Amino acid sequence: MGISDSPIIQRIAQLRVTQKARGLDPVQQRELDLCLDWIVNHCWTQALLKNFSLMASMTNDVDWQHEICRDIDSLQTKKPGRKKRNTD
């Protein structure tokens, strides 16, 4: 999924256009803040997993690296606003 396909990015773009045209009401501002927080969290998690992957590589822990790669793949396909269900 490309960045422009993300519903979060699309909503930020809509809110930004509105913000520049007439300003945002408090509900829209809160929505923008939540979208931006989601992006920060997503980027932070992605960076953390990449650093863990590097650590696993440097310690030759193949099993751990494969687990981290699965987590990275899962993060890239995760839909915004949906929590992962526990299937245990």
N, C-alpha and C. Protein backbone atom coordinates (compact mmCIF):
# COMPACT_ATOMS: atom_id res chain seq x y z
N MET A 1 0.86 -1.17 0.00
CA MET A 1 0.00 0.00 0.00
C MET A 1 0.90 1.23 0.00
N GLY A 2 0.66 2.11 -0.93
CA GLY A 2 1.41 3.35 -1.00
C GLY A 2 0.89 4.34 0.03
N ILE A 3 1.67 5.35 0.30
CA ILE A 3 1.29 6.31 1.33
C ILE A 3 -0.03 7.00 1.01
N SER A 4 -0.28 7.29 -0.26
CA SER A 4 -1.52 7.99 -0.61
C SER A 4 -2.75 7.08 -0.50
N ASP A 5 -2.55 5.77 -0.38
CA ASP A 5 -3.65 4.83 -0.21
C ASP A 5 -4.11 4.73 1.23
N SER A 6 -3.33 5.26 2.15
CA SER A 6 -3.66 5.16 3.57
C SER A 6 -4.83 6.07 3.92
N PRO A 7 -5.86 5.52 4.57
CA PRO A 7 -6.98 6.37 4.98
C PRO A 7 -6.57 7.45 5.98
N ILE A 8 -5.55 7.18 6.77
CA ILE A 8 -5.05 8.18 7.71
C ILE A 8 -4.46 9.37 6.95
N ILE A 9 -3.63 9.09 5.95
CA ILE A 9 -3.01 10.15 5.16
C ILE A 9 -4.07 10.93 4.39
N GLN A 10 -5.03 10.22 3.83
CA GLN A 10 -6.10 10.90 3.10
C GLN A 10 -6.89 11.84 4.01
N ARG A 11 -7.17 11.38 5.23
CA ARG A 11 -7.93 12.22 6.16
C ARG A 11 -7.10 13.43 6.60
N ILE A 12 -5.81 13.24 6.83
CA ILE A 12 -4.95 14.37 7.18
C ILE A 12 -4.98 15.41 6.06
N ALA A 13 -4.91 14.94 4.82
CA ALA A 13 -4.94 15.87 3.68
C ALA A 13 -6.26 16.65 3.66
N GLN A 14 -7.37 15.96 3.88
CA GLN A 14 -8.67 16.63 3.90
C GLN A 14 -8.73 17.68 5.02
N LEU A 15 -8.27 17.28 6.19
CA LEU A 15 -8.31 18.21 7.32
C LEU A 15 -7.39 19.40 7.10
N ARG A 16 -6.25 19.17 6.48
CA ARG A 16 -5.31 20.27 6.22
C ARG A 16 -5.90 21.28 5.24
N VAL A 17 -6.58 20.79 4.21
CA VAL A 17 -7.23 21.69 3.25
C VAL A 17 -8.29 22.52 3.98
N THR A 18 -9.07 21.87 4.81
CA THR A 18 -10.10 22.59 5.59
C THR A 18 -9.45 23.60 6.53
N GLN A 19 -8.37 23.18 7.17
CA GLN A 19 -7.67 24.06 8.11
C GLN A 19 -7.16 25.32 7.42
N LYS A 20 -6.62 25.17 6.24
CA LYS A 20 -6.11 26.33 5.51
C LYS A 20 -7.24 27.22 4.99
N ALA A 21 -8.37 26.62 4.64
CA ALA A 21 -9.48 27.38 4.07
C ALA A 21 -10.26 28.16 5.12
N ARG A 22 -10.57 27.50 6.24
CA ARG A 22 -11.44 28.16 7.21
C ARG A 22 -11.13 27.83 8.66
N GLY A 23 -10.10 27.04 8.87
CA GLY A 23 -9.79 26.62 10.23
C GLY A 23 -10.58 25.37 10.61
N LEU A 24 -10.16 24.74 11.69
CA LEU A 24 -10.80 23.51 12.13
C LEU A 24 -11.61 23.77 13.39
N ASP A 25 -12.74 23.08 13.49
CA ASP A 25 -13.48 23.14 14.75
C ASP A 25 -12.79 22.19 15.74
N PRO A 26 -13.14 22.22 17.01
CA PRO A 26 -12.44 21.39 18.01
C PRO A 26 -12.47 19.89 17.70
N VAL A 27 -13.57 19.40 17.16
CA VAL A 27 -13.66 17.97 16.83
C VAL A 27 -12.69 17.62 15.69
N GLN A 28 -12.64 18.46 14.67
CA GLN A 28 -11.72 18.22 13.57
C GLN A 28 -10.27 18.33 14.03
N GLN A 29 -9.97 19.28 14.90
CA GLN A 29 -8.61 19.41 15.42
C GLN A 29 -8.21 18.18 16.21
N ARG A 30 -9.13 17.64 16.99
CA ARG A 30 -8.85 16.42 17.75
C ARG A 30 -8.61 15.25 16.80
N GLU A 31 -9.40 15.18 15.74
CA GLU A 31 -9.22 14.12 14.75
C GLU A 31 -7.84 14.24 14.08
N LEU A 32 -7.44 15.45 13.73
CA LEU A 32 -6.12 15.66 13.14
C LEU A 32 -5.02 15.23 14.11
N ASP A 33 -5.17 15.62 15.37
CA ASP A 33 -4.19 15.24 16.39
C ASP A 33 -4.09 13.72 16.52
N LEU A 34 -5.23 13.04 16.51
CA LEU A 34 -5.23 11.58 16.61
C LEU A 34 -4.56 10.94 15.40
N CYS A 35 -4.82 11.46 14.22
CA CYS A 35 -4.16 10.95 13.01
C CYS A 35 -2.65 11.12 13.09
N LEU A 36 -2.22 12.29 13.52
CA LEU A 36 -0.78 12.54 13.63
C LEU A 36 -0.14 11.65 14.70
N ASP A 37 -0.85 11.46 15.81
CA ASP A 37 -0.34 10.55 16.85
C ASP A 37 -0.20 9.13 16.33
N TRP A 38 -1.19 8.69 15.50
CA TRP A 38 -1.12 7.35 14.93
C TRP A 38 0.12 7.21 14.05
N ILE A 39 0.40 8.24 13.25
CA ILE A 39 1.57 8.19 12.37
C ILE A 39 2.87 8.12 13.18
N VAL A 40 2.96 8.93 14.22
CA VAL A 40 4.15 8.91 15.08
C VAL A 40 4.34 7.53 15.69
N ASN A 41 3.27 6.96 16.21
CA ASN A 41 3.35 5.63 16.82
C ASN A 41 3.76 4.58 15.79
N HIS A 42 3.19 4.65 14.61
CA HIS A 42 3.52 3.71 13.54
C HIS A 42 5.00 3.82 13.16
N CYS A 43 5.49 5.03 12.98
CA CYS A 43 6.90 5.23 12.61
C CYS A 43 7.84 4.77 13.72
N TRP A 44 7.46 5.05 14.97
CA TRP A 44 8.30 4.65 16.10
C TRP A 44 8.37 3.12 16.18
N THR A 45 7.23 2.46 16.03
CA THR A 45 7.20 1.00 16.08
C THR A 45 8.01 0.40 14.94
N GLN A 46 7.89 0.98 13.75
CA GLN A 46 8.66 0.50 12.61
C GLN A 46 10.17 0.64 12.86
N ALA A 47 10.58 1.78 13.39
CA ALA A 47 12.01 1.99 13.68
C ALA A 47 12.50 1.02 14.74
N LEU A 48 11.69 0.79 15.77
CA LEU A 48 12.05 -0.15 16.83
C LEU A 48 12.26 -1.55 16.26
N LEU A 49 11.32 -1.99 15.42
CA LEU A 49 11.44 -3.33 14.83
C LEU A 49 12.66 -3.44 13.92
N LYS A 50 12.96 -2.39 13.17
CA LYS A 50 14.16 -2.42 12.32
C LYS A 50 15.43 -2.50 13.16
N ASN A 51 15.45 -1.78 14.28
CA ASN A 51 16.61 -1.86 15.17
C ASN A 51 16.73 -3.25 15.80
N PHE A 52 15.59 -3.84 16.19
CA PHE A 52 15.63 -5.20 16.72
C PHE A 52 16.13 -6.17 15.65
N SER A 53 15.71 -5.97 14.42
CA SER A 53 16.16 -6.83 13.34
C SER A 53 17.68 -6.75 13.16
N LEU A 54 18.19 -5.53 13.25
CA LEU A 54 19.65 -5.36 13.17
C LEU A 54 20.34 -6.07 14.32
N MET A 55 19.80 -5.94 15.52
CA MET A 55 20.38 -6.62 16.68
C MET A 55 20.36 -8.14 16.50
N ALA A 56 19.24 -8.65 16.00
CA ALA A 56 19.15 -10.09 15.76
C ALA A 56 20.18 -10.55 14.73
N SER A 57 20.36 -9.74 13.70
CA SER A 57 21.35 -10.06 12.67
C SER A 57 22.76 -10.05 13.24
N MET A 58 23.04 -9.04 14.05
CA MET A 58 24.39 -8.90 14.63
C MET A 58 24.71 -10.02 15.62
N THR A 59 23.68 -10.60 16.22
CA THR A 59 23.90 -11.69 17.18
C THR A 59 23.65 -13.05 16.55
N ASN A 60 23.39 -13.05 15.24
CA ASN A 60 23.14 -14.29 14.49
C ASN A 60 21.96 -15.09 15.04
N ASP A 61 20.96 -14.38 15.52
CA ASP A 61 19.76 -15.03 16.04
C ASP A 61 18.71 -15.07 14.92
N VAL A 62 18.79 -16.12 14.12
CA VAL A 62 17.96 -16.24 12.92
C VAL A 62 16.47 -16.35 13.28
N ASP A 63 16.17 -17.13 14.31
CA ASP A 63 14.76 -17.30 14.70
C ASP A 63 14.15 -15.96 15.12
N TRP A 64 14.89 -15.20 15.92
CA TRP A 64 14.40 -13.90 16.37
C TRP A 64 14.23 -12.96 15.17
N GLN A 65 15.18 -12.98 14.26
CA GLN A 65 15.09 -12.11 13.09
C GLN A 65 13.87 -12.45 12.23
N HIS A 66 13.58 -13.74 12.08
CA HIS A 66 12.39 -14.13 11.31
C HIS A 66 11.12 -13.66 12.01
N GLU A 67 11.09 -13.77 13.33
CA GLU A 67 9.94 -13.29 14.09
C GLU A 67 9.74 -11.79 13.89
N ILE A 68 10.84 -11.05 13.94
CA ILE A 68 10.78 -9.59 13.77
C ILE A 68 10.33 -9.25 12.34
N CYS A 69 10.83 -9.97 11.36
CA CYS A 69 10.41 -9.72 9.98
C CYS A 69 8.92 -9.96 9.81
N ARG A 70 8.38 -10.98 10.48
CA ARG A 70 6.93 -11.21 10.43
C ARG A 70 6.19 -10.03 11.07
N ASP A 71 6.73 -9.52 12.18
CA ASP A 71 6.11 -8.35 12.83
C ASP A 71 6.15 -7.12 11.91
N ILE A 72 7.25 -6.93 11.20
CA ILE A 72 7.37 -5.80 10.27
C ILE A 72 6.35 -5.95 9.14
N ASP A 73 6.24 -7.16 8.59
CA ASP A 73 5.25 -7.40 7.53
C ASP A 73 3.84 -7.14 8.05
N SER A 74 3.57 -7.58 9.25
CA SER A 74 2.25 -7.38 9.85
C SER A 74 1.96 -5.90 10.06
N LEU A 75 2.96 -5.15 10.47
CA LEU A 75 2.81 -3.71 10.68
C LEU A 75 2.49 -3.00 9.37
N GLN A 76 3.10 -3.44 8.28
CA GLN A 76 2.89 -2.80 6.98
C GLN A 76 1.52 -3.09 6.41
N THR A 77 0.87 -4.17 6.86
CA THR A 77 -0.45 -4.50 6.35
C THR A 77 -1.55 -4.18 7.36
N LYS A 78 -1.17 -3.66 8.52
CA LYS A 78 -2.14 -3.34 9.57
C LYS A 78 -3.01 -2.17 9.14
N LYS A 79 -4.29 -2.30 9.38
CA LYS A 79 -5.24 -1.23 9.05
C LYS A 79 -5.30 -0.26 10.22
N PRO A 80 -5.31 1.03 9.95
CA PRO A 80 -5.40 2.02 11.02
C PRO A 80 -6.69 1.87 11.81
N GLY A 81 -6.57 2.05 13.12
CA GLY A 81 -7.74 2.06 13.97
C GLY A 81 -8.26 0.68 14.34
N ARG A 82 -7.60 -0.34 13.91
CA ARG A 82 -8.04 -1.69 14.25
C ARG A 82 -6.98 -2.37 15.09
N LYS A 83 -7.42 -2.90 16.21
CA LYS A 83 -6.49 -3.61 17.07
C LYS A 83 -6.42 -5.06 16.64
N LYS A 84 -5.25 -5.64 16.82
CA LYS A 84 -5.04 -7.02 16.47
C LYS A 84 -5.82 -7.90 17.45
N ARG A 85 -6.58 -8.83 16.92
CA ARG A 85 -7.35 -9.72 17.78
C ARG A 85 -6.47 -10.84 18.29
N ASN A 86 -6.68 -11.18 19.55
CA ASN A 86 -5.99 -12.30 20.13
C ASN A 86 -6.74 -13.57 19.75
N THR A 87 -6.10 -14.46 19.01
CA THR A 87 -6.77 -15.66 18.52
C THR A 87 -6.43 -16.87 19.37
N ASP A 88 -5.77 -16.66 20.49
CA ASP A 88 -5.42 -17.80 21.37
C ASP A 88 -6.63 -18.27 22.14
